[in-house]
Amino acid sequence: MAEIEVRMANPDDLPLLKEIRLNFDSDYVWKSQMLEDLDSYSISLQYIKLPKTIHVSFQEPDDARMEQMIMRREVLVAEYDGKVVGYLRLEQDENPNRLMLKTGGIHEDYRRRGIMKALLNVVQETAMRNHFTQLVVTVQAKNDPAIRLLTSQGFQFCGYQEFFFVNLEIALFYFKNIR
């Protein structure tokens, strides 16, 4: 069985990280609907099976921005059999007890092998050692594969924001308490 190693990214990883596309396919989407009465608002989210699988492109950060994130030690990489095949970018929130998981993904040829789970485990262990009590992740409402992974790892839905991403997509927020 192949071995997964997780470590901090270094500048030499930049060309390898550029090869990792964060695009994904999805069969489901979360749709929001707001109902307005005279004195109240009601918002519902509905999980909808799409008539056909959609391919969603994701805009990766440019080289200069990725290099800055690496230099600030915000990027963890995952190696699978000695090859960098995934990454996860972390950011401390304004709340000093909360760590945000921002962007990340696994090279499409290496998905569904437990690599993102390994990254999430290292993030959780690191967060606990550094006295964070909560992890928060933001995902596109169309990213059903990521949502399923997060919920399988104990993350719970905690909110949403419309027009959050550059492509004006709905953001879903998930959290996990750690102690």
N, C-alpha and C. Protein backbone atom coordinates (compact mmCIF):
# COMPACT_ATOMS: atom_id res chain seq x y z
N MET A 1 0.84 -1.19 0.00
CA MET A 1 0.00 0.00 0.00
C MET A 1 0.88 1.24 0.00
N ALA A 2 0.48 2.24 -0.77
CA ALA A 2 1.25 3.48 -0.88
C ALA A 2 1.20 4.25 0.44
N GLU A 3 2.27 4.97 0.69
CA GLU A 3 2.36 5.74 1.91
C GLU A 3 2.03 7.20 1.64
N ILE A 4 1.28 7.80 2.59
CA ILE A 4 0.91 9.20 2.50
C ILE A 4 1.72 9.96 3.54
N GLU A 5 2.40 11.01 3.11
CA GLU A 5 3.15 11.87 4.03
C GLU A 5 2.61 13.28 3.89
N VAL A 6 2.39 13.94 5.02
CA VAL A 6 1.91 15.32 5.03
C VAL A 6 2.99 16.18 5.66
N ARG A 7 3.29 17.31 5.02
CA ARG A 7 4.33 18.22 5.51
C ARG A 7 4.01 19.65 5.07
N MET A 8 4.74 20.60 5.62
CA MET A 8 4.61 21.99 5.18
C MET A 8 5.18 22.11 3.77
N ALA A 9 4.53 22.92 2.96
CA ALA A 9 5.01 23.15 1.60
C ALA A 9 6.26 24.01 1.64
N ASN A 10 7.11 23.86 0.64
CA ASN A 10 8.28 24.71 0.49
C ASN A 10 8.28 25.24 -0.95
N PRO A 11 9.09 26.27 -1.24
CA PRO A 11 9.07 26.88 -2.58
C PRO A 11 9.33 25.89 -3.72
N ASP A 12 10.07 24.82 -3.46
CA ASP A 12 10.31 23.82 -4.51
C ASP A 12 9.04 23.08 -4.91
N ASP A 13 8.02 23.13 -4.07
CA ASP A 13 6.76 22.44 -4.37
C ASP A 13 5.87 23.21 -5.35
N LEU A 14 6.17 24.48 -5.57
CA LEU A 14 5.29 25.33 -6.38
C LEU A 14 4.97 24.73 -7.76
N PRO A 15 5.96 24.26 -8.54
CA PRO A 15 5.61 23.69 -9.85
C PRO A 15 4.70 22.46 -9.73
N LEU A 16 4.87 21.69 -8.68
CA LEU A 16 4.04 20.50 -8.49
C LEU A 16 2.62 20.88 -8.08
N LEU A 17 2.49 21.93 -7.27
CA LEU A 17 1.17 22.39 -6.84
C LEU A 17 0.38 22.96 -8.01
N LYS A 18 1.08 23.53 -8.98
CA LYS A 18 0.40 24.08 -10.16
C LYS A 18 -0.27 22.98 -10.99
N GLU A 19 0.20 21.76 -10.87
CA GLU A 19 -0.38 20.64 -11.63
C GLU A 19 -1.67 20.12 -11.01
N ILE A 20 -1.96 20.53 -9.78
CA ILE A 20 -3.15 20.05 -9.09
C ILE A 20 -4.32 20.96 -9.42
N ARG A 21 -5.24 20.46 -10.19
CA ARG A 21 -6.45 21.21 -10.55
C ARG A 21 -7.52 20.91 -9.52
N LEU A 22 -8.21 21.95 -9.10
CA LEU A 22 -9.23 21.80 -8.08
C LEU A 22 -10.63 21.62 -8.68
N ASN A 23 -10.69 21.35 -9.97
CA ASN A 23 -11.97 21.11 -10.63
C ASN A 23 -12.59 19.84 -10.06
N PHE A 24 -13.91 19.74 -10.17
CA PHE A 24 -14.59 18.55 -9.67
C PHE A 24 -15.88 18.32 -10.44
N ASP A 25 -16.37 17.10 -10.34
CA ASP A 25 -17.67 16.74 -10.91
C ASP A 25 -18.64 16.55 -9.76
N SER A 26 -19.91 16.90 -10.01
CA SER A 26 -20.91 16.76 -8.96
C SER A 26 -22.25 16.34 -9.55
N ASP A 27 -22.96 15.51 -8.81
CA ASP A 27 -24.31 15.08 -9.19
C ASP A 27 -25.38 15.80 -8.37
N TYR A 28 -24.96 16.57 -7.37
CA TYR A 28 -25.89 17.24 -6.48
C TYR A 28 -25.47 18.69 -6.28
N VAL A 29 -26.41 19.50 -5.83
CA VAL A 29 -26.14 20.89 -5.49
C VAL A 29 -27.07 21.30 -4.35
N TRP A 30 -26.62 22.24 -3.55
CA TRP A 30 -27.47 22.83 -2.52
C TRP A 30 -28.03 24.12 -3.08
N LYS A 31 -29.33 24.26 -3.04
CA LYS A 31 -30.02 25.44 -3.56
C LYS A 31 -30.63 26.20 -2.39
N SER A 32 -30.48 27.51 -2.38
CA SER A 32 -31.07 28.31 -1.31
C SER A 32 -32.33 29.00 -1.81
N GLN A 33 -33.25 29.20 -0.87
CA GLN A 33 -34.48 29.90 -1.19
C GLN A 33 -34.85 30.75 0.02
N MET A 34 -35.15 32.04 -0.22
CA MET A 34 -35.53 32.93 0.86
C MET A 34 -37.00 33.30 0.67
N LEU A 35 -37.77 33.15 1.74
CA LEU A 35 -39.17 33.54 1.75
C LEU A 35 -39.32 34.75 2.67
N GLU A 36 -40.03 35.75 2.20
CA GLU A 36 -40.17 36.98 2.97
C GLU A 36 -41.63 37.20 3.32
N ASP A 37 -41.91 37.40 4.61
CA ASP A 37 -43.23 37.80 5.09
C ASP A 37 -43.14 39.25 5.51
N LEU A 38 -44.22 39.76 6.05
CA LEU A 38 -44.22 41.15 6.51
C LEU A 38 -43.21 41.39 7.63
N ASP A 39 -43.08 40.43 8.53
CA ASP A 39 -42.21 40.64 9.69
C ASP A 39 -41.16 39.55 9.89
N SER A 40 -40.89 38.77 8.84
CA SER A 40 -39.89 37.72 9.02
C SER A 40 -39.32 37.26 7.68
N TYR A 41 -38.16 36.63 7.78
CA TYR A 41 -37.52 35.98 6.65
C TYR A 41 -37.35 34.51 7.00
N SER A 42 -37.49 33.69 6.01
CA SER A 42 -37.25 32.27 6.20
C SER A 42 -36.34 31.81 5.06
N ILE A 43 -35.28 31.12 5.42
CA ILE A 43 -34.33 30.66 4.42
C ILE A 43 -34.26 29.14 4.50
N SER A 44 -34.34 28.51 3.34
CA SER A 44 -34.20 27.05 3.32
C SER A 44 -33.13 26.66 2.33
N LEU A 45 -32.44 25.59 2.64
CA LEU A 45 -31.46 25.01 1.73
C LEU A 45 -31.99 23.64 1.34
N GLN A 46 -31.94 23.37 0.05
CA GLN A 46 -32.47 22.10 -0.45
C GLN A 46 -31.39 21.37 -1.23
N TYR A 47 -31.21 20.10 -0.92
CA TYR A 47 -30.24 19.23 -1.57
C TYR A 47 -30.91 18.64 -2.81
N ILE A 48 -30.38 18.96 -3.99
CA ILE A 48 -31.05 18.60 -5.24
C ILE A 48 -30.14 17.73 -6.09
N LYS A 49 -30.69 16.63 -6.58
CA LYS A 49 -29.98 15.79 -7.54
C LYS A 49 -30.11 16.46 -8.90
N LEU A 50 -29.00 16.65 -9.56
CA LEU A 50 -29.00 17.30 -10.86
C LEU A 50 -29.39 16.30 -11.95
N PRO A 51 -29.97 16.76 -13.04
CA PRO A 51 -30.36 15.84 -14.11
C PRO A 51 -29.17 15.14 -14.76
N LYS A 52 -28.02 15.79 -14.72
CA LYS A 52 -26.79 15.17 -15.22
C LYS A 52 -25.61 15.70 -14.43
N THR A 53 -24.53 14.96 -14.45
CA THR A 53 -23.32 15.36 -13.75
C THR A 53 -22.79 16.66 -14.35
N ILE A 54 -22.39 17.58 -13.46
CA ILE A 54 -21.80 18.83 -13.93
C ILE A 54 -20.31 18.83 -13.60
N HIS A 55 -19.54 19.49 -14.45
CA HIS A 55 -18.12 19.69 -14.21
C HIS A 55 -17.95 21.14 -13.78
N VAL A 56 -17.33 21.34 -12.63
CA VAL A 56 -17.15 22.67 -12.08
C VAL A 56 -15.67 23.02 -12.10
N SER A 57 -15.35 24.11 -12.77
CA SER A 57 -13.97 24.60 -12.79
C SER A 57 -13.74 25.45 -11.55
N PHE A 58 -12.53 25.41 -11.07
CA PHE A 58 -12.18 26.17 -9.88
C PHE A 58 -10.93 26.99 -10.21
N GLN A 59 -10.96 28.26 -9.87
CA GLN A 59 -9.83 29.14 -10.18
C GLN A 59 -8.76 28.99 -9.11
N GLU A 60 -7.64 28.41 -9.52
CA GLU A 60 -6.52 28.23 -8.60
C GLU A 60 -5.79 29.56 -8.41
N PRO A 61 -5.12 29.74 -7.27
CA PRO A 61 -4.36 30.97 -7.06
C PRO A 61 -3.19 31.07 -8.04
N ASP A 62 -2.83 32.29 -8.39
CA ASP A 62 -1.70 32.47 -9.30
C ASP A 62 -0.39 32.15 -8.58
N ASP A 63 0.69 32.04 -9.35
CA ASP A 63 1.98 31.62 -8.80
C ASP A 63 2.47 32.52 -7.66
N ALA A 64 2.36 33.83 -7.86
CA ALA A 64 2.88 34.77 -6.86
C ALA A 64 2.10 34.62 -5.55
N ARG A 65 0.79 34.50 -5.66
CA ARG A 65 -0.03 34.36 -4.46
C ARG A 65 0.25 33.04 -3.75
N MET A 66 0.38 31.96 -4.52
CA MET A 66 0.68 30.66 -3.93
C MET A 66 2.05 30.69 -3.25
N GLU A 67 3.02 31.33 -3.88
CA GLU A 67 4.36 31.44 -3.28
C GLU A 67 4.30 32.20 -1.96
N GLN A 68 3.51 33.27 -1.90
CA GLN A 68 3.36 34.02 -0.65
C GLN A 68 2.74 33.14 0.44
N MET A 69 1.73 32.36 0.08
CA MET A 69 1.08 31.48 1.06
C MET A 69 2.07 30.44 1.57
N ILE A 70 2.92 29.93 0.69
CA ILE A 70 3.94 28.96 1.10
C ILE A 70 4.93 29.61 2.06
N MET A 71 5.36 30.83 1.74
CA MET A 71 6.34 31.52 2.59
C MET A 71 5.74 31.86 3.96
N ARG A 72 4.43 32.10 4.03
CA ARG A 72 3.76 32.37 5.32
C ARG A 72 3.44 31.08 6.06
N ARG A 73 3.83 29.94 5.50
CA ARG A 73 3.63 28.62 6.09
C ARG A 73 2.14 28.31 6.30
N GLU A 74 1.35 28.62 5.27
CA GLU A 74 -0.09 28.38 5.30
C GLU A 74 -0.49 27.13 4.52
N VAL A 75 0.46 26.49 3.84
CA VAL A 75 0.12 25.41 2.94
C VAL A 75 0.75 24.10 3.40
N LEU A 76 -0.11 23.09 3.56
CA LEU A 76 0.35 21.73 3.81
C LEU A 76 0.25 20.96 2.50
N VAL A 77 1.22 20.10 2.23
CA VAL A 77 1.15 19.25 1.04
C VAL A 77 1.08 17.80 1.46
N ALA A 78 0.47 17.01 0.59
CA ALA A 78 0.41 15.57 0.80
C ALA A 78 1.21 14.91 -0.31
N GLU A 79 2.10 14.02 0.10
CA GLU A 79 2.86 13.22 -0.85
C GLU A 79 2.31 11.81 -0.83
N TYR A 80 2.18 11.24 -2.00
CA TYR A 80 1.72 9.86 -2.14
C TYR A 80 2.79 9.14 -2.93
N ASP A 81 3.41 8.15 -2.32
CA ASP A 81 4.55 7.46 -2.93
C ASP A 81 5.64 8.44 -3.39
N GLY A 82 5.88 9.47 -2.55
CA GLY A 82 6.96 10.41 -2.83
C GLY A 82 6.62 11.52 -3.81
N LYS A 83 5.38 11.59 -4.31
CA LYS A 83 4.99 12.62 -5.26
C LYS A 83 3.95 13.54 -4.62
N VAL A 84 4.13 14.85 -4.74
CA VAL A 84 3.16 15.81 -4.22
C VAL A 84 1.89 15.70 -5.05
N VAL A 85 0.78 15.31 -4.38
CA VAL A 85 -0.48 15.08 -5.10
C VAL A 85 -1.65 15.87 -4.52
N GLY A 86 -1.42 16.61 -3.43
CA GLY A 86 -2.52 17.38 -2.85
C GLY A 86 -2.01 18.44 -1.91
N TYR A 87 -2.91 19.36 -1.58
CA TYR A 87 -2.54 20.41 -0.64
C TYR A 87 -3.78 20.95 0.06
N LEU A 88 -3.54 21.66 1.14
CA LEU A 88 -4.59 22.32 1.90
C LEU A 88 -4.01 23.60 2.47
N ARG A 89 -4.71 24.70 2.24
CA ARG A 89 -4.26 26.00 2.76
C ARG A 89 -5.04 26.33 4.02
N LEU A 90 -4.30 26.75 5.05
CA LEU A 90 -4.87 27.09 6.36
C LEU A 90 -4.72 28.58 6.61
N GLU A 91 -5.61 29.11 7.42
CA GLU A 91 -5.53 30.52 7.77
C GLU A 91 -6.15 30.70 9.15
N GLN A 92 -5.48 31.48 9.99
CA GLN A 92 -6.06 31.73 11.31
C GLN A 92 -7.16 32.76 11.15
N ASP A 93 -8.28 32.51 11.79
CA ASP A 93 -9.44 33.39 11.76
C ASP A 93 -9.22 34.55 12.72
N GLU A 94 -10.12 35.56 12.68
CA GLU A 94 -10.05 36.64 13.67
C GLU A 94 -10.23 36.09 15.07
N ASN A 95 -11.03 35.05 15.17
CA ASN A 95 -11.22 34.36 16.45
C ASN A 95 -9.95 33.52 16.69
N PRO A 96 -9.20 33.81 17.75
CA PRO A 96 -7.92 33.12 17.95
C PRO A 96 -8.06 31.62 18.24
N ASN A 97 -9.27 31.15 18.49
CA ASN A 97 -9.48 29.74 18.77
C ASN A 97 -9.89 28.95 17.54
N ARG A 98 -10.03 29.62 16.40
CA ARG A 98 -10.57 28.97 15.21
C ARG A 98 -9.55 28.99 14.07
N LEU A 99 -9.41 27.85 13.43
CA LEU A 99 -8.53 27.71 12.28
C LEU A 99 -9.39 27.47 11.05
N MET A 100 -9.14 28.24 10.00
CA MET A 100 -9.92 28.15 8.76
C MET A 100 -9.17 27.27 7.76
N LEU A 101 -9.88 26.36 7.14
CA LEU A 101 -9.34 25.56 6.05
C LEU A 101 -9.86 26.21 4.78
N LYS A 102 -8.96 26.77 4.00
CA LYS A 102 -9.38 27.60 2.89
C LYS A 102 -9.47 26.80 1.58
N THR A 103 -8.40 26.75 0.85
CA THR A 103 -8.41 26.08 -0.45
C THR A 103 -7.61 24.80 -0.37
N GLY A 104 -7.95 23.87 -1.20
CA GLY A 104 -7.18 22.65 -1.24
C GLY A 104 -7.82 21.62 -2.13
N GLY A 105 -7.07 20.60 -2.39
CA GLY A 105 -7.59 19.52 -3.21
C GLY A 105 -6.52 18.49 -3.48
N ILE A 106 -6.96 17.45 -4.16
CA ILE A 106 -6.10 16.33 -4.52
C ILE A 106 -6.10 16.21 -6.04
N HIS A 107 -4.93 15.93 -6.60
CA HIS A 107 -4.82 15.71 -8.04
C HIS A 107 -5.85 14.65 -8.44
N GLU A 108 -6.58 14.89 -9.53
CA GLU A 108 -7.70 13.99 -9.87
C GLU A 108 -7.29 12.53 -10.07
N ASP A 109 -6.06 12.27 -10.44
CA ASP A 109 -5.61 10.88 -10.60
C ASP A 109 -5.40 10.16 -9.27
N TYR A 110 -5.43 10.92 -8.15
CA TYR A 110 -5.14 10.34 -6.84
C TYR A 110 -6.30 10.49 -5.85
N ARG A 111 -7.45 10.90 -6.32
CA ARG A 111 -8.60 11.08 -5.44
C ARG A 111 -9.15 9.74 -4.98
N ARG A 112 -9.85 9.77 -3.84
CA ARG A 112 -10.51 8.59 -3.26
C ARG A 112 -9.50 7.53 -2.78
N ARG A 113 -8.35 8.02 -2.29
CA ARG A 113 -7.34 7.11 -1.74
C ARG A 113 -7.01 7.45 -0.28
N GLY A 114 -7.81 8.31 0.34
CA GLY A 114 -7.59 8.67 1.73
C GLY A 114 -6.60 9.80 1.94
N ILE A 115 -6.20 10.46 0.87
CA ILE A 115 -5.18 11.51 0.98
C ILE A 115 -5.72 12.75 1.67
N MET A 116 -6.93 13.19 1.30
CA MET A 116 -7.50 14.37 1.97
C MET A 116 -7.81 14.05 3.43
N LYS A 117 -8.22 12.84 3.72
CA LYS A 117 -8.44 12.45 5.12
C LYS A 117 -7.15 12.56 5.91
N ALA A 118 -6.04 12.14 5.31
CA ALA A 118 -4.73 12.26 5.98
C ALA A 118 -4.39 13.72 6.22
N LEU A 119 -4.63 14.58 5.24
CA LEU A 119 -4.39 16.02 5.42
C LEU A 119 -5.25 16.56 6.56
N LEU A 120 -6.54 16.21 6.56
CA LEU A 120 -7.44 16.70 7.62
C LEU A 120 -7.01 16.20 8.99
N ASN A 121 -6.53 14.97 9.09
CA ASN A 121 -6.05 14.44 10.37
C ASN A 121 -4.86 15.23 10.89
N VAL A 122 -3.91 15.54 10.00
CA VAL A 122 -2.73 16.32 10.40
C VAL A 122 -3.15 17.72 10.82
N VAL A 123 -4.08 18.32 10.09
CA VAL A 123 -4.57 19.66 10.45
C VAL A 123 -5.19 19.61 11.85
N GLN A 124 -6.01 18.62 12.11
CA GLN A 124 -6.65 18.52 13.42
C GLN A 124 -5.63 18.33 14.53
N GLU A 125 -4.66 17.45 14.32
CA GLU A 125 -3.61 17.23 15.34
C GLU A 125 -2.82 18.51 15.59
N THR A 126 -2.47 19.20 14.50
CA THR A 126 -1.71 20.45 14.61
C THR A 126 -2.53 21.51 15.33
N ALA A 127 -3.81 21.60 14.99
CA ALA A 127 -4.69 22.58 15.62
C ALA A 127 -4.80 22.32 17.13
N MET A 128 -4.93 21.07 17.50
CA MET A 128 -5.03 20.73 18.92
C MET A 128 -3.74 21.10 19.66
N ARG A 129 -2.60 20.81 19.06
CA ARG A 129 -1.31 21.15 19.69
C ARG A 129 -1.15 22.66 19.86
N ASN A 130 -1.79 23.43 18.96
CA ASN A 130 -1.67 24.89 19.01
C ASN A 130 -2.88 25.54 19.68
N HIS A 131 -3.65 24.74 20.40
CA HIS A 131 -4.77 25.21 21.24
C HIS A 131 -5.93 25.83 20.48
N PHE A 132 -6.11 25.43 19.23
CA PHE A 132 -7.33 25.82 18.52
C PHE A 132 -8.44 24.88 19.00
N THR A 133 -9.66 25.37 19.04
CA THR A 133 -10.77 24.53 19.49
C THR A 133 -11.77 24.26 18.37
N GLN A 134 -11.59 24.90 17.22
CA GLN A 134 -12.55 24.71 16.15
C GLN A 134 -11.88 24.85 14.78
N LEU A 135 -12.29 23.97 13.87
CA LEU A 135 -11.91 24.06 12.46
C LEU A 135 -13.14 24.49 11.68
N VAL A 136 -12.95 25.39 10.71
CA VAL A 136 -14.05 25.85 9.87
C VAL A 136 -13.61 25.74 8.41
N VAL A 137 -14.51 25.21 7.58
CA VAL A 137 -14.24 25.02 6.16
C VAL A 137 -15.33 25.71 5.36
N THR A 138 -14.94 26.32 4.24
CA THR A 138 -15.88 26.93 3.32
C THR A 138 -15.82 26.16 2.01
N VAL A 139 -16.98 25.72 1.51
CA VAL A 139 -17.02 24.99 0.24
C VAL A 139 -18.14 25.53 -0.64
N GLN A 140 -17.97 25.36 -1.94
CA GLN A 140 -19.03 25.74 -2.87
C GLN A 140 -20.22 24.81 -2.70
N ALA A 141 -21.41 25.34 -2.87
CA ALA A 141 -22.63 24.55 -2.73
C ALA A 141 -22.69 23.41 -3.74
N LYS A 142 -21.96 23.51 -4.83
CA LYS A 142 -21.94 22.46 -5.85
C LYS A 142 -20.92 21.36 -5.55
N ASN A 143 -20.07 21.57 -4.56
CA ASN A 143 -18.97 20.64 -4.32
C ASN A 143 -19.42 19.48 -3.43
N ASP A 144 -20.32 18.67 -3.97
CA ASP A 144 -20.85 17.54 -3.21
C ASP A 144 -19.76 16.56 -2.75
N PRO A 145 -18.75 16.26 -3.57
CA PRO A 145 -17.70 15.35 -3.07
C PRO A 145 -17.01 15.88 -1.80
N ALA A 146 -16.72 17.18 -1.76
CA ALA A 146 -16.08 17.75 -0.57
C ALA A 146 -17.03 17.75 0.63
N ILE A 147 -18.29 18.06 0.38
CA ILE A 147 -19.28 18.09 1.46
C ILE A 147 -19.44 16.70 2.06
N ARG A 148 -19.50 15.69 1.23
CA ARG A 148 -19.63 14.30 1.74
C ARG A 148 -18.39 13.91 2.55
N LEU A 149 -17.21 14.29 2.08
CA LEU A 149 -15.98 13.99 2.82
C LEU A 149 -15.99 14.69 4.18
N LEU A 150 -16.31 15.97 4.18
CA LEU A 150 -16.30 16.72 5.43
C LEU A 150 -17.29 16.15 6.45
N THR A 151 -18.49 15.85 6.01
CA THR A 151 -19.47 15.31 6.96
C THR A 151 -19.06 13.92 7.45
N SER A 152 -18.39 13.15 6.60
CA SER A 152 -17.92 11.83 7.05
C SER A 152 -16.79 11.96 8.08
N GLN A 153 -16.15 13.12 8.10
CA GLN A 153 -15.06 13.36 9.05
C GLN A 153 -15.51 14.15 10.28
N GLY A 154 -16.82 14.27 10.46
CA GLY A 154 -17.35 14.91 11.67
C GLY A 154 -17.63 16.39 11.57
N PHE A 155 -17.49 16.98 10.41
CA PHE A 155 -17.81 18.39 10.24
C PHE A 155 -19.33 18.55 10.14
N GLN A 156 -19.85 19.67 10.68
CA GLN A 156 -21.28 19.93 10.68
C GLN A 156 -21.57 21.26 9.98
N PHE A 157 -22.68 21.30 9.29
CA PHE A 157 -23.11 22.53 8.61
C PHE A 157 -23.36 23.62 9.64
N CYS A 158 -22.91 24.84 9.36
CA CYS A 158 -23.14 25.93 10.31
C CYS A 158 -23.54 27.24 9.66
N GLY A 159 -23.68 27.28 8.34
CA GLY A 159 -24.12 28.52 7.72
C GLY A 159 -23.81 28.57 6.24
N TYR A 160 -24.26 29.64 5.64
CA TYR A 160 -24.01 29.82 4.22
C TYR A 160 -23.96 31.31 3.90
N GLN A 161 -23.42 31.63 2.73
CA GLN A 161 -23.41 33.01 2.26
C GLN A 161 -23.52 32.98 0.75
N GLU A 162 -24.48 33.73 0.23
CA GLU A 162 -24.65 33.79 -1.22
C GLU A 162 -23.58 34.71 -1.81
N PHE A 163 -23.24 34.47 -3.06
CA PHE A 163 -22.30 35.29 -3.83
C PHE A 163 -20.94 35.41 -3.15
N PHE A 164 -20.50 34.37 -2.48
CA PHE A 164 -19.28 34.41 -1.69
C PHE A 164 -18.02 34.30 -2.54
N PHE A 165 -18.03 33.39 -3.50
CA PHE A 165 -16.85 33.12 -4.30
C PHE A 165 -16.75 34.04 -5.50
N VAL A 166 -15.60 34.08 -6.13
CA VAL A 166 -15.37 34.92 -7.31
C VAL A 166 -16.41 34.63 -8.40
N ASN A 167 -16.80 33.36 -8.51
CA ASN A 167 -17.79 32.99 -9.52
C ASN A 167 -19.23 33.20 -9.03
N LEU A 168 -19.39 33.92 -7.91
CA LEU A 168 -20.68 34.27 -7.31
C LEU A 168 -21.45 33.06 -6.79
N GLU A 169 -20.74 31.99 -6.53
CA GLU A 169 -21.34 30.75 -6.03
C GLU A 169 -21.66 30.89 -4.54
N ILE A 170 -22.64 30.11 -4.09
CA ILE A 170 -23.00 30.06 -2.67
C ILE A 170 -21.91 29.31 -1.91
N ALA A 171 -21.54 29.86 -0.76
CA ALA A 171 -20.59 29.18 0.13
C ALA A 171 -21.35 28.51 1.25
N LEU A 172 -21.00 27.27 1.53
CA LEU A 172 -21.51 26.56 2.69
C LEU A 172 -20.38 26.48 3.71
N PHE A 173 -20.69 26.70 4.97
CA PHE A 173 -19.69 26.67 6.03
C PHE A 173 -19.93 25.43 6.90
N TYR A 174 -18.83 24.73 7.18
CA TYR A 174 -18.87 23.56 8.04
C TYR A 174 -17.84 23.75 9.15
N PHE A 175 -18.15 23.23 10.33
CA PHE A 175 -17.23 23.35 11.45
C PHE A 175 -17.06 22.00 12.13
N LYS A 176 -15.96 21.93 12.88
CA LYS A 176 -15.71 20.76 13.72
C LYS A 176 -15.05 21.24 15.00
N ASN A 177 -15.66 20.92 16.13
CA ASN A 177 -15.04 21.23 17.42
C ASN A 177 -13.97 20.20 17.69
N ILE A 178 -12.83 20.67 18.17
CA ILE A 178 -11.73 19.75 18.50
C ILE A 178 -11.26 20.07 19.92
N ARG A 179 -10.90 19.06 20.63
CA ARG A 179 -10.40 19.27 22.00
C ARG A 179 -9.48 18.19 22.38
